[in-house]
Amino acid sequence: MKFLNFIRILIDKLNEVIGKGISWLTSVLVLVVCFDVFSRYILGKSHVGIQEFQWHVFGLLFLLGAAYSLKYDRHVRVDIVYSRLSTKQKAWINLMGTLLFLIPFSLAVIWASHDFVINSFQLRESSPNPGGLPARYILKAAIPAGFFLLFLQALSMLVQSLQTILNLNQNDIFL
C-alpha cells in the first residue's frame, strides 16, 4: 500500500502543478473576451482569430483543468444523497463510480481520440475560416492529454478511497 500511496502523491502533485499553471489561462481568457467585446461593439470590427482563440483557451482550461477539479472534489455532482453519507460510504461510491465509469470513459476517449489527433498533426490542420488560427492540432492534442490527466487522478482517487474503506491512516503510510 505504501507504493500505491507514493503513486497517489505523485499524481496529486502533477495535477496540482498543471491545475495551478492552467488556471492562469482564466485571466488570459477574460482579457481576450474583453478585447473581443471592445473591438466588436466599440470599434465595430470582429476578428475570427480572436473568437477562435477564445474557444481554444476555454477548451484548454476545460480539458487540462478537469483533473485538478476532480482532485479537489469541485466537479459537478448531484449531492442530494451523497452529501448525507458517511465518509466510508462516500469512499465506496467514489470507488465504484471511478471503476465503473470514470476510468473506462477516460480510456475510451483517449483511445477514440488517438487517430483524430494523429490525423490532425499529419495534416497540420488549421482553421478553415479566413483569418482563423493555425495549428488546430495543438488544441486537439489536449483531448487525450486532458483525459490522461483525468485517468491519473481517477487512479489517485481509487487509492484514496481504498485507504478510507480499509481504515488506513494516510499519515501512517507515507513514504
N, C-alpha and C. Protein backbone atom coordinates (compact mmCIF):
# COMPACT_ATOMS: atom_id res chain seq x y z
N MET A 1 0.82 -1.20 0.00
CA MET A 1 0.00 0.00 0.00
C MET A 1 0.87 1.26 0.00
N LYS A 2 2.09 1.15 0.54
CA LYS A 2 2.98 2.31 0.55
C LYS A 2 3.31 2.76 -0.86
N PHE A 3 3.54 1.79 -1.75
CA PHE A 3 3.85 2.13 -3.13
C PHE A 3 2.67 2.82 -3.80
N LEU A 4 1.46 2.31 -3.59
CA LEU A 4 0.27 2.93 -4.16
C LEU A 4 0.07 4.34 -3.63
N ASN A 5 0.35 4.53 -2.36
CA ASN A 5 0.22 5.86 -1.77
C ASN A 5 1.25 6.81 -2.37
N PHE A 6 2.46 6.30 -2.60
CA PHE A 6 3.50 7.10 -3.23
C PHE A 6 3.06 7.54 -4.63
N ILE A 7 2.48 6.63 -5.40
CA ILE A 7 1.98 6.95 -6.73
C ILE A 7 0.86 7.99 -6.63
N ARG A 8 -0.03 7.82 -5.66
CA ARG A 8 -1.13 8.77 -5.46
C ARG A 8 -0.58 10.17 -5.20
N ILE A 9 0.43 10.26 -4.37
CA ILE A 9 1.04 11.56 -4.04
C ILE A 9 1.66 12.19 -5.30
N LEU A 10 2.35 11.38 -6.11
CA LEU A 10 2.95 11.89 -7.34
C LEU A 10 1.87 12.41 -8.31
N ILE A 11 0.80 11.64 -8.46
CA ILE A 11 -0.30 12.06 -9.35
C ILE A 11 -0.92 13.35 -8.84
N ASP A 12 -1.16 13.43 -7.54
CA ASP A 12 -1.75 14.64 -6.97
C ASP A 12 -0.85 15.86 -7.18
N LYS A 13 0.46 15.67 -7.02
CA LYS A 13 1.39 16.78 -7.23
C LYS A 13 1.42 17.20 -8.70
N LEU A 14 1.41 16.23 -9.61
CA LEU A 14 1.39 16.54 -11.03
C LEU A 14 0.16 17.36 -11.39
N ASN A 15 -1.01 16.90 -10.97
CA ASN A 15 -2.24 17.61 -11.29
C ASN A 15 -2.35 18.95 -10.56
N GLU A 16 -1.70 19.07 -9.43
CA GLU A 16 -1.65 20.34 -8.72
C GLU A 16 -0.86 21.37 -9.53
N VAL A 17 0.31 20.96 -10.01
CA VAL A 17 1.15 21.87 -10.79
C VAL A 17 0.46 22.26 -12.09
N ILE A 18 -0.09 21.28 -12.79
CA ILE A 18 -0.77 21.57 -14.06
C ILE A 18 -2.02 22.41 -13.82
N GLY A 19 -2.79 22.08 -12.79
CA GLY A 19 -4.01 22.84 -12.50
C GLY A 19 -3.72 24.29 -12.15
N LYS A 20 -2.71 24.52 -11.32
CA LYS A 20 -2.37 25.91 -10.97
C LYS A 20 -1.81 26.65 -12.18
N GLY A 21 -1.02 25.95 -12.99
CA GLY A 21 -0.47 26.58 -14.18
C GLY A 21 -1.55 26.94 -15.19
N ILE A 22 -2.45 26.02 -15.43
CA ILE A 22 -3.50 26.22 -16.43
C ILE A 22 -4.53 27.26 -15.94
N SER A 23 -4.63 27.44 -14.63
CA SER A 23 -5.60 28.40 -14.10
C SER A 23 -5.29 29.83 -14.54
N TRP A 24 -4.04 30.08 -14.88
CA TRP A 24 -3.68 31.42 -15.36
C TRP A 24 -4.32 31.72 -16.71
N LEU A 25 -4.71 30.68 -17.42
CA LEU A 25 -5.40 30.91 -18.70
C LEU A 25 -6.76 31.57 -18.50
N THR A 26 -7.29 31.50 -17.29
CA THR A 26 -8.55 32.17 -16.99
C THR A 26 -8.39 33.68 -17.17
N SER A 27 -7.27 34.21 -16.68
CA SER A 27 -7.00 35.65 -16.84
C SER A 27 -6.82 36.00 -18.31
N VAL A 28 -6.12 35.14 -19.04
CA VAL A 28 -5.95 35.35 -20.48
C VAL A 28 -7.31 35.36 -21.16
N LEU A 29 -8.16 34.42 -20.80
CA LEU A 29 -9.49 34.33 -21.41
C LEU A 29 -10.31 35.60 -21.14
N VAL A 30 -10.26 36.09 -19.92
CA VAL A 30 -11.00 37.32 -19.59
C VAL A 30 -10.50 38.49 -20.43
N LEU A 31 -9.19 38.62 -20.56
CA LEU A 31 -8.63 39.72 -21.35
C LEU A 31 -9.02 39.61 -22.83
N VAL A 32 -8.97 38.40 -23.35
CA VAL A 32 -9.31 38.20 -24.77
C VAL A 32 -10.79 38.47 -25.01
N VAL A 33 -11.64 38.03 -24.10
CA VAL A 33 -13.08 38.29 -24.24
C VAL A 33 -13.34 39.80 -24.16
N CYS A 34 -12.69 40.48 -23.23
CA CYS A 34 -12.86 41.93 -23.12
C CYS A 34 -12.41 42.63 -24.40
N PHE A 35 -11.28 42.20 -24.94
CA PHE A 35 -10.80 42.79 -26.19
C PHE A 35 -11.79 42.52 -27.32
N ASP A 36 -12.31 41.30 -27.39
CA ASP A 36 -13.27 40.95 -28.43
C ASP A 36 -14.53 41.80 -28.33
N VAL A 37 -15.04 41.96 -27.12
CA VAL A 37 -16.25 42.77 -26.91
C VAL A 37 -15.97 44.23 -27.28
N PHE A 38 -14.82 44.74 -26.86
CA PHE A 38 -14.45 46.13 -27.17
C PHE A 38 -14.34 46.33 -28.68
N SER A 39 -13.61 45.43 -29.34
CA SER A 39 -13.41 45.61 -30.78
C SER A 39 -14.71 45.41 -31.57
N ARG A 40 -15.56 44.53 -31.08
CA ARG A 40 -16.80 44.25 -31.80
C ARG A 40 -17.83 45.37 -31.61
N TYR A 41 -18.03 45.82 -30.37
CA TYR A 41 -19.11 46.76 -30.09
C TYR A 41 -18.67 48.23 -30.09
N ILE A 42 -17.41 48.49 -29.81
CA ILE A 42 -16.94 49.87 -29.80
C ILE A 42 -16.32 50.23 -31.16
N LEU A 43 -15.45 49.34 -31.65
CA LEU A 43 -14.78 49.61 -32.92
C LEU A 43 -15.55 49.11 -34.13
N GLY A 44 -16.53 48.25 -33.90
CA GLY A 44 -17.33 47.71 -34.99
C GLY A 44 -16.60 46.69 -35.85
N LYS A 45 -15.56 46.05 -35.30
CA LYS A 45 -14.79 45.05 -36.06
C LYS A 45 -14.78 43.74 -35.29
N SER A 46 -14.96 42.67 -36.03
CA SER A 46 -14.93 41.34 -35.43
C SER A 46 -13.77 40.56 -36.06
N HIS A 47 -13.05 39.84 -35.23
CA HIS A 47 -11.89 39.08 -35.71
C HIS A 47 -12.13 37.59 -35.47
N VAL A 48 -12.13 36.82 -36.53
CA VAL A 48 -12.34 35.38 -36.43
C VAL A 48 -11.27 34.74 -35.56
N GLY A 49 -10.03 35.17 -35.75
CA GLY A 49 -8.92 34.61 -34.98
C GLY A 49 -9.08 34.82 -33.48
N ILE A 50 -9.59 35.96 -33.09
CA ILE A 50 -9.82 36.26 -31.67
C ILE A 50 -10.93 35.36 -31.12
N GLN A 51 -11.99 35.19 -31.89
CA GLN A 51 -13.07 34.31 -31.44
C GLN A 51 -12.58 32.88 -31.31
N GLU A 52 -11.82 32.41 -32.28
CA GLU A 52 -11.29 31.05 -32.19
C GLU A 52 -10.32 30.91 -31.03
N PHE A 53 -9.54 31.96 -30.77
CA PHE A 53 -8.61 31.92 -29.64
C PHE A 53 -9.36 31.76 -28.32
N GLN A 54 -10.51 32.43 -28.20
CA GLN A 54 -11.33 32.27 -27.00
C GLN A 54 -11.74 30.81 -26.83
N TRP A 55 -12.19 30.19 -27.91
CA TRP A 55 -12.63 28.79 -27.85
C TRP A 55 -11.46 27.89 -27.50
N HIS A 56 -10.30 28.17 -28.06
CA HIS A 56 -9.13 27.34 -27.79
C HIS A 56 -8.70 27.44 -26.32
N VAL A 57 -8.66 28.66 -25.81
CA VAL A 57 -8.28 28.85 -24.40
C VAL A 57 -9.29 28.17 -23.48
N PHE A 58 -10.58 28.35 -23.77
CA PHE A 58 -11.60 27.70 -22.95
C PHE A 58 -11.45 26.18 -23.02
N GLY A 59 -11.21 25.65 -24.21
CA GLY A 59 -11.02 24.21 -24.37
C GLY A 59 -9.84 23.70 -23.56
N LEU A 60 -8.73 24.44 -23.59
CA LEU A 60 -7.56 24.04 -22.79
C LEU A 60 -7.86 24.09 -21.30
N LEU A 61 -8.56 25.14 -20.87
CA LEU A 61 -8.94 25.25 -19.46
C LEU A 61 -9.79 24.06 -19.03
N PHE A 62 -10.78 23.74 -19.83
CA PHE A 62 -11.69 22.66 -19.51
C PHE A 62 -10.98 21.31 -19.51
N LEU A 63 -10.25 21.02 -20.57
CA LEU A 63 -9.62 19.71 -20.72
C LEU A 63 -8.48 19.49 -19.72
N LEU A 64 -7.61 20.46 -19.59
CA LEU A 64 -6.44 20.28 -18.72
C LEU A 64 -6.73 20.62 -17.27
N GLY A 65 -7.86 21.26 -17.00
CA GLY A 65 -8.23 21.59 -15.62
C GLY A 65 -9.19 20.61 -14.98
N ALA A 66 -9.70 19.66 -15.75
CA ALA A 66 -10.69 18.72 -15.21
C ALA A 66 -10.12 17.85 -14.09
N ALA A 67 -8.90 17.39 -14.25
CA ALA A 67 -8.29 16.54 -13.22
C ALA A 67 -8.07 17.32 -11.93
N TYR A 68 -7.68 18.57 -12.06
CA TYR A 68 -7.50 19.44 -10.89
C TYR A 68 -8.83 19.63 -10.16
N SER A 69 -9.90 19.82 -10.92
CA SER A 69 -11.23 19.95 -10.32
C SER A 69 -11.64 18.67 -9.59
N LEU A 70 -11.34 17.54 -10.20
CA LEU A 70 -11.66 16.25 -9.57
C LEU A 70 -10.85 16.07 -8.29
N LYS A 71 -9.59 16.45 -8.32
CA LYS A 71 -8.72 16.33 -7.15
C LYS A 71 -9.30 17.05 -5.94
N TYR A 72 -9.89 18.21 -6.16
CA TYR A 72 -10.46 19.00 -5.07
C TYR A 72 -11.96 18.81 -4.92
N ASP A 73 -12.51 17.80 -5.60
CA ASP A 73 -13.94 17.49 -5.50
C ASP A 73 -14.81 18.69 -5.85
N ARG A 74 -14.39 19.42 -6.88
CA ARG A 74 -15.11 20.62 -7.32
C ARG A 74 -15.84 20.38 -8.64
N HIS A 75 -15.98 19.13 -9.01
CA HIS A 75 -16.68 18.79 -10.24
C HIS A 75 -18.19 18.75 -9.97
N VAL A 76 -18.95 18.65 -11.02
CA VAL A 76 -20.41 18.64 -10.90
C VAL A 76 -20.85 17.28 -10.33
N ARG A 77 -21.68 17.34 -9.32
CA ARG A 77 -22.20 16.12 -8.71
C ARG A 77 -23.57 16.45 -8.12
N VAL A 78 -24.47 15.50 -8.22
CA VAL A 78 -25.78 15.66 -7.60
C VAL A 78 -25.63 15.20 -6.15
N ASP A 79 -25.67 16.16 -5.23
CA ASP A 79 -25.38 15.87 -3.82
C ASP A 79 -26.60 15.57 -2.98
N ILE A 80 -27.72 15.26 -3.56
CA ILE A 80 -28.93 15.01 -2.79
C ILE A 80 -28.71 13.87 -1.79
N VAL A 81 -28.11 12.80 -2.24
CA VAL A 81 -27.87 11.65 -1.39
C VAL A 81 -26.43 11.66 -0.86
N TYR A 82 -25.49 11.93 -1.73
CA TYR A 82 -24.07 11.82 -1.42
C TYR A 82 -23.67 12.65 -0.20
N SER A 83 -24.18 13.86 -0.09
CA SER A 83 -23.78 14.75 1.00
C SER A 83 -24.21 14.25 2.37
N ARG A 84 -25.18 13.34 2.41
CA ARG A 84 -25.69 12.83 3.69
C ARG A 84 -25.01 11.53 4.13
N LEU A 85 -24.10 11.03 3.31
CA LEU A 85 -23.46 9.75 3.60
C LEU A 85 -22.24 9.93 4.49
N SER A 86 -21.84 8.85 5.12
CA SER A 86 -20.63 8.86 5.95
C SER A 86 -19.41 8.89 5.03
N THR A 87 -18.27 9.16 5.61
CA THR A 87 -17.02 9.21 4.84
C THR A 87 -16.74 7.88 4.16
N LYS A 88 -16.99 6.78 4.85
CA LYS A 88 -16.74 5.46 4.29
C LYS A 88 -17.73 5.15 3.16
N GLN A 89 -18.98 5.54 3.32
CA GLN A 89 -19.97 5.32 2.26
C GLN A 89 -19.61 6.15 1.02
N LYS A 90 -19.15 7.38 1.23
CA LYS A 90 -18.71 8.21 0.11
C LYS A 90 -17.52 7.56 -0.60
N ALA A 91 -16.63 6.97 0.19
CA ALA A 91 -15.46 6.29 -0.40
C ALA A 91 -15.90 5.12 -1.27
N TRP A 92 -16.91 4.37 -0.83
CA TRP A 92 -17.43 3.26 -1.63
C TRP A 92 -18.03 3.77 -2.94
N ILE A 93 -18.80 4.84 -2.87
CA ILE A 93 -19.40 5.41 -4.08
C ILE A 93 -18.31 5.91 -5.03
N ASN A 94 -17.31 6.59 -4.47
CA ASN A 94 -16.20 7.08 -5.29
C ASN A 94 -15.45 5.92 -5.93
N LEU A 95 -15.21 4.87 -5.17
CA LEU A 95 -14.50 3.69 -5.68
C LEU A 95 -15.28 3.05 -6.83
N MET A 96 -16.56 2.82 -6.63
CA MET A 96 -17.37 2.16 -7.65
C MET A 96 -17.57 3.06 -8.88
N GLY A 97 -17.83 4.32 -8.64
CA GLY A 97 -18.00 5.26 -9.77
C GLY A 97 -16.74 5.40 -10.59
N THR A 98 -15.61 5.40 -9.91
CA THR A 98 -14.33 5.51 -10.61
C THR A 98 -14.04 4.26 -11.42
N LEU A 99 -14.27 3.10 -10.81
CA LEU A 99 -14.02 1.83 -11.52
C LEU A 99 -14.99 1.59 -12.68
N LEU A 100 -16.25 1.90 -12.46
CA LEU A 100 -17.27 1.58 -13.46
C LEU A 100 -17.46 2.65 -14.53
N PHE A 101 -17.20 3.90 -14.20
CA PHE A 101 -17.50 4.97 -15.14
C PHE A 101 -16.28 5.82 -15.53
N LEU A 102 -15.60 6.39 -14.54
CA LEU A 102 -14.55 7.37 -14.84
C LEU A 102 -13.36 6.76 -15.58
N ILE A 103 -12.84 5.66 -15.09
CA ILE A 103 -11.68 5.04 -15.74
C ILE A 103 -12.04 4.52 -17.13
N PRO A 104 -13.12 3.75 -17.28
CA PRO A 104 -13.45 3.29 -18.64
C PRO A 104 -13.72 4.44 -19.61
N PHE A 105 -14.42 5.48 -19.16
CA PHE A 105 -14.72 6.61 -20.04
C PHE A 105 -13.44 7.34 -20.45
N SER A 106 -12.56 7.58 -19.48
CA SER A 106 -11.29 8.26 -19.78
C SER A 106 -10.48 7.46 -20.79
N LEU A 107 -10.37 6.17 -20.57
CA LEU A 107 -9.62 5.32 -21.51
C LEU A 107 -10.27 5.28 -22.88
N ALA A 108 -11.59 5.26 -22.93
CA ALA A 108 -12.30 5.24 -24.22
C ALA A 108 -12.04 6.53 -25.00
N VAL A 109 -12.06 7.68 -24.32
CA VAL A 109 -11.81 8.94 -25.01
C VAL A 109 -10.36 9.01 -25.50
N ILE A 110 -9.42 8.56 -24.67
CA ILE A 110 -8.01 8.55 -25.09
C ILE A 110 -7.86 7.67 -26.33
N TRP A 111 -8.44 6.50 -26.31
CA TRP A 111 -8.35 5.57 -27.43
C TRP A 111 -9.03 6.15 -28.68
N ALA A 112 -10.23 6.68 -28.51
CA ALA A 112 -11.01 7.19 -29.65
C ALA A 112 -10.38 8.45 -30.25
N SER A 113 -9.69 9.23 -29.46
CA SER A 113 -9.12 10.47 -29.97
C SER A 113 -7.75 10.28 -30.61
N HIS A 114 -7.16 9.12 -30.45
CA HIS A 114 -5.80 8.88 -30.95
C HIS A 114 -5.68 9.17 -32.44
N ASP A 115 -6.47 8.50 -33.27
CA ASP A 115 -6.39 8.70 -34.71
C ASP A 115 -6.80 10.12 -35.11
N PHE A 116 -7.77 10.66 -34.41
CA PHE A 116 -8.25 12.02 -34.64
C PHE A 116 -7.09 13.02 -34.49
N VAL A 117 -6.32 12.86 -33.44
CA VAL A 117 -5.20 13.77 -33.16
C VAL A 117 -4.05 13.51 -34.14
N ILE A 118 -3.73 12.25 -34.39
CA ILE A 118 -2.65 11.92 -35.33
C ILE A 118 -2.95 12.50 -36.71
N ASN A 119 -4.17 12.31 -37.18
CA ASN A 119 -4.55 12.86 -38.49
C ASN A 119 -4.43 14.38 -38.52
N SER A 120 -4.81 15.02 -37.45
CA SER A 120 -4.74 16.47 -37.38
C SER A 120 -3.28 16.94 -37.45
N PHE A 121 -2.38 16.24 -36.76
CA PHE A 121 -0.95 16.58 -36.81
C PHE A 121 -0.39 16.33 -38.21
N GLN A 122 -0.74 15.21 -38.81
CA GLN A 122 -0.23 14.88 -40.14
C GLN A 122 -0.69 15.89 -41.19
N LEU A 123 -1.91 16.38 -41.05
CA LEU A 123 -2.45 17.37 -41.99
C LEU A 123 -1.99 18.80 -41.66
N ARG A 124 -1.35 18.95 -40.49
CA ARG A 124 -1.00 20.28 -40.00
C ARG A 124 -2.27 21.16 -40.02
N GLU A 125 -3.32 20.59 -39.45
CA GLU A 125 -4.65 21.20 -39.52
C GLU A 125 -4.66 22.61 -38.94
N SER A 126 -5.34 23.47 -39.66
CA SER A 126 -5.55 24.84 -39.19
C SER A 126 -7.03 25.17 -39.41
N SER A 127 -7.40 26.36 -39.03
CA SER A 127 -8.79 26.76 -39.16
C SER A 127 -9.18 26.86 -40.63
N PRO A 128 -10.38 26.40 -40.97
CA PRO A 128 -10.84 26.56 -42.35
C PRO A 128 -11.37 27.97 -42.63
N ASN A 129 -11.51 28.78 -41.59
CA ASN A 129 -12.06 30.12 -41.73
C ASN A 129 -10.98 31.13 -42.12
N PRO A 130 -11.29 32.05 -43.01
CA PRO A 130 -10.34 33.12 -43.33
C PRO A 130 -10.04 33.93 -42.06
N GLY A 131 -8.78 34.11 -41.78
CA GLY A 131 -8.39 34.84 -40.57
C GLY A 131 -8.40 33.98 -39.32
N GLY A 132 -8.64 32.69 -39.49
CA GLY A 132 -8.66 31.77 -38.35
C GLY A 132 -7.25 31.39 -37.90
N LEU A 133 -7.19 30.66 -36.84
CA LEU A 133 -5.91 30.30 -36.24
C LEU A 133 -5.25 29.09 -36.92
N PRO A 134 -3.95 29.10 -37.00
CA PRO A 134 -3.22 27.92 -37.47
C PRO A 134 -3.05 26.93 -36.31
N ALA A 135 -2.50 25.80 -36.60
CA ALA A 135 -2.10 24.81 -35.59
C ALA A 135 -3.26 24.34 -34.71
N ARG A 136 -4.37 24.01 -35.31
CA ARG A 136 -5.51 23.49 -34.57
C ARG A 136 -5.17 22.14 -33.92
N TYR A 137 -4.19 21.46 -34.46
CA TYR A 137 -3.77 20.16 -33.94
C TYR A 137 -3.27 20.24 -32.51
N ILE A 138 -2.77 21.39 -32.11
CA ILE A 138 -2.30 21.54 -30.72
C ILE A 138 -3.49 21.45 -29.77
N LEU A 139 -4.56 22.13 -30.12
CA LEU A 139 -5.77 22.05 -29.29
C LEU A 139 -6.32 20.63 -29.27
N LYS A 140 -6.31 19.97 -30.42
CA LYS A 140 -6.83 18.61 -30.47
C LYS A 140 -5.97 17.65 -29.64
N ALA A 141 -4.69 17.93 -29.54
CA ALA A 141 -3.81 17.09 -28.71
C ALA A 141 -4.15 17.21 -27.23
N ALA A 142 -4.81 18.29 -26.86
CA ALA A 142 -5.21 18.47 -25.45
C ALA A 142 -6.32 17.50 -25.06
N ILE A 143 -7.02 16.93 -26.03
CA ILE A 143 -8.11 15.99 -25.70
C ILE A 143 -7.55 14.74 -25.01
N PRO A 144 -6.66 13.97 -25.64
CA PRO A 144 -6.13 12.81 -24.94
C PRO A 144 -5.27 13.19 -23.73
N ALA A 145 -4.58 14.33 -23.82
CA ALA A 145 -3.76 14.76 -22.68
C ALA A 145 -4.63 15.04 -21.46
N GLY A 146 -5.72 15.77 -21.66
CA GLY A 146 -6.62 16.08 -20.55
C GLY A 146 -7.26 14.84 -19.96
N PHE A 147 -7.66 13.91 -20.82
CA PHE A 147 -8.27 12.69 -20.31
C PHE A 147 -7.24 11.75 -19.68
N PHE A 148 -5.99 11.86 -20.10
CA PHE A 148 -4.94 11.09 -19.43
C PHE A 148 -4.73 11.62 -18.01
N LEU A 149 -4.72 12.94 -17.86
CA LEU A 149 -4.61 13.53 -16.52
C LEU A 149 -5.82 13.13 -15.66
N LEU A 150 -6.99 13.11 -16.26
CA LEU A 150 -8.20 12.70 -15.56
C LEU A 150 -8.10 11.23 -15.15
N PHE A 151 -7.59 10.38 -16.04
CA PHE A 151 -7.37 8.97 -15.73
C PHE A 151 -6.40 8.82 -14.55
N LEU A 152 -5.31 9.58 -14.58
CA LEU A 152 -4.35 9.51 -13.46
C LEU A 152 -5.01 9.93 -12.15
N GLN A 153 -5.80 11.01 -12.20
CA GLN A 153 -6.47 11.46 -10.98
C GLN A 153 -7.48 10.43 -10.50
N ALA A 154 -8.09 9.70 -11.43
CA ALA A 154 -9.01 8.62 -11.06
C ALA A 154 -8.25 7.53 -10.31
N LEU A 155 -7.04 7.22 -10.74
CA LEU A 155 -6.22 6.23 -10.03
C LEU A 155 -5.90 6.71 -8.62
N SER A 156 -5.58 7.99 -8.50
CA SER A 156 -5.32 8.57 -7.18
C SER A 156 -6.56 8.47 -6.29
N MET A 157 -7.72 8.74 -6.89
CA MET A 157 -8.98 8.67 -6.16
C MET A 157 -9.27 7.24 -5.71
N LEU A 158 -8.92 6.28 -6.55
CA LEU A 158 -9.09 4.87 -6.19
C LEU A 158 -8.28 4.52 -4.95
N VAL A 159 -7.03 4.92 -4.95
CA VAL A 159 -6.16 4.62 -3.81
C VAL A 159 -6.68 5.31 -2.56
N GLN A 160 -7.07 6.55 -2.69
CA GLN A 160 -7.60 7.30 -1.54
C GLN A 160 -8.88 6.65 -1.01
N SER A 161 -9.74 6.20 -1.89
CA SER A 161 -10.97 5.53 -1.47
C SER A 161 -10.66 4.22 -0.76
N LEU A 162 -9.71 3.46 -1.30
CA LEU A 162 -9.31 2.21 -0.64
C LEU A 162 -8.76 2.47 0.75
N GLN A 163 -7.96 3.51 0.87
CA GLN A 163 -7.41 3.85 2.18
C GLN A 163 -8.52 4.17 3.18
N THR A 164 -9.52 4.87 2.74
CA THR A 164 -10.65 5.22 3.61
C THR A 164 -11.45 3.97 3.97
N ILE A 165 -11.74 3.14 2.98
CA ILE A 165 -12.54 1.93 3.21
C ILE A 165 -11.82 0.97 4.15
N LEU A 166 -10.50 0.85 4.00
CA LEU A 166 -9.72 -0.08 4.83
C LEU A 166 -9.27 0.54 6.15
N ASN A 167 -9.74 1.76 6.43
CA ASN A 167 -9.39 2.48 7.66
C ASN A 167 -7.89 2.67 7.82
N LEU A 168 -7.21 2.96 6.74
CA LEU A 168 -5.78 3.21 6.79
C LEU A 168 -5.56 4.69 6.98
N ASN A 169 -4.75 5.05 7.94
CA ASN A 169 -4.42 6.43 8.18
C ASN A 169 -3.37 6.85 7.17
N GLN A 170 -3.68 7.83 6.36
CA GLN A 170 -2.75 8.24 5.29
C GLN A 170 -1.43 8.73 5.84
N ASN A 171 -1.41 9.30 7.02
CA ASN A 171 -0.16 9.78 7.61
C ASN A 171 0.75 8.63 8.03
N ASP A 172 0.18 7.48 8.33
CA ASP A 172 0.97 6.34 8.76
C ASP A 172 1.64 5.61 7.60
N ILE A 173 1.17 5.83 6.39
CA ILE A 173 1.72 5.05 5.29
C ILE A 173 2.45 5.90 4.26
N PHE A 174 2.74 7.15 4.58
CA PHE A 174 3.56 7.94 3.67
C PHE A 174 4.98 7.38 3.65
N LEU A 175 5.61 7.51 2.51
CA LEU A 175 6.99 7.04 2.39
C LEU A 175 7.94 8.04 2.99
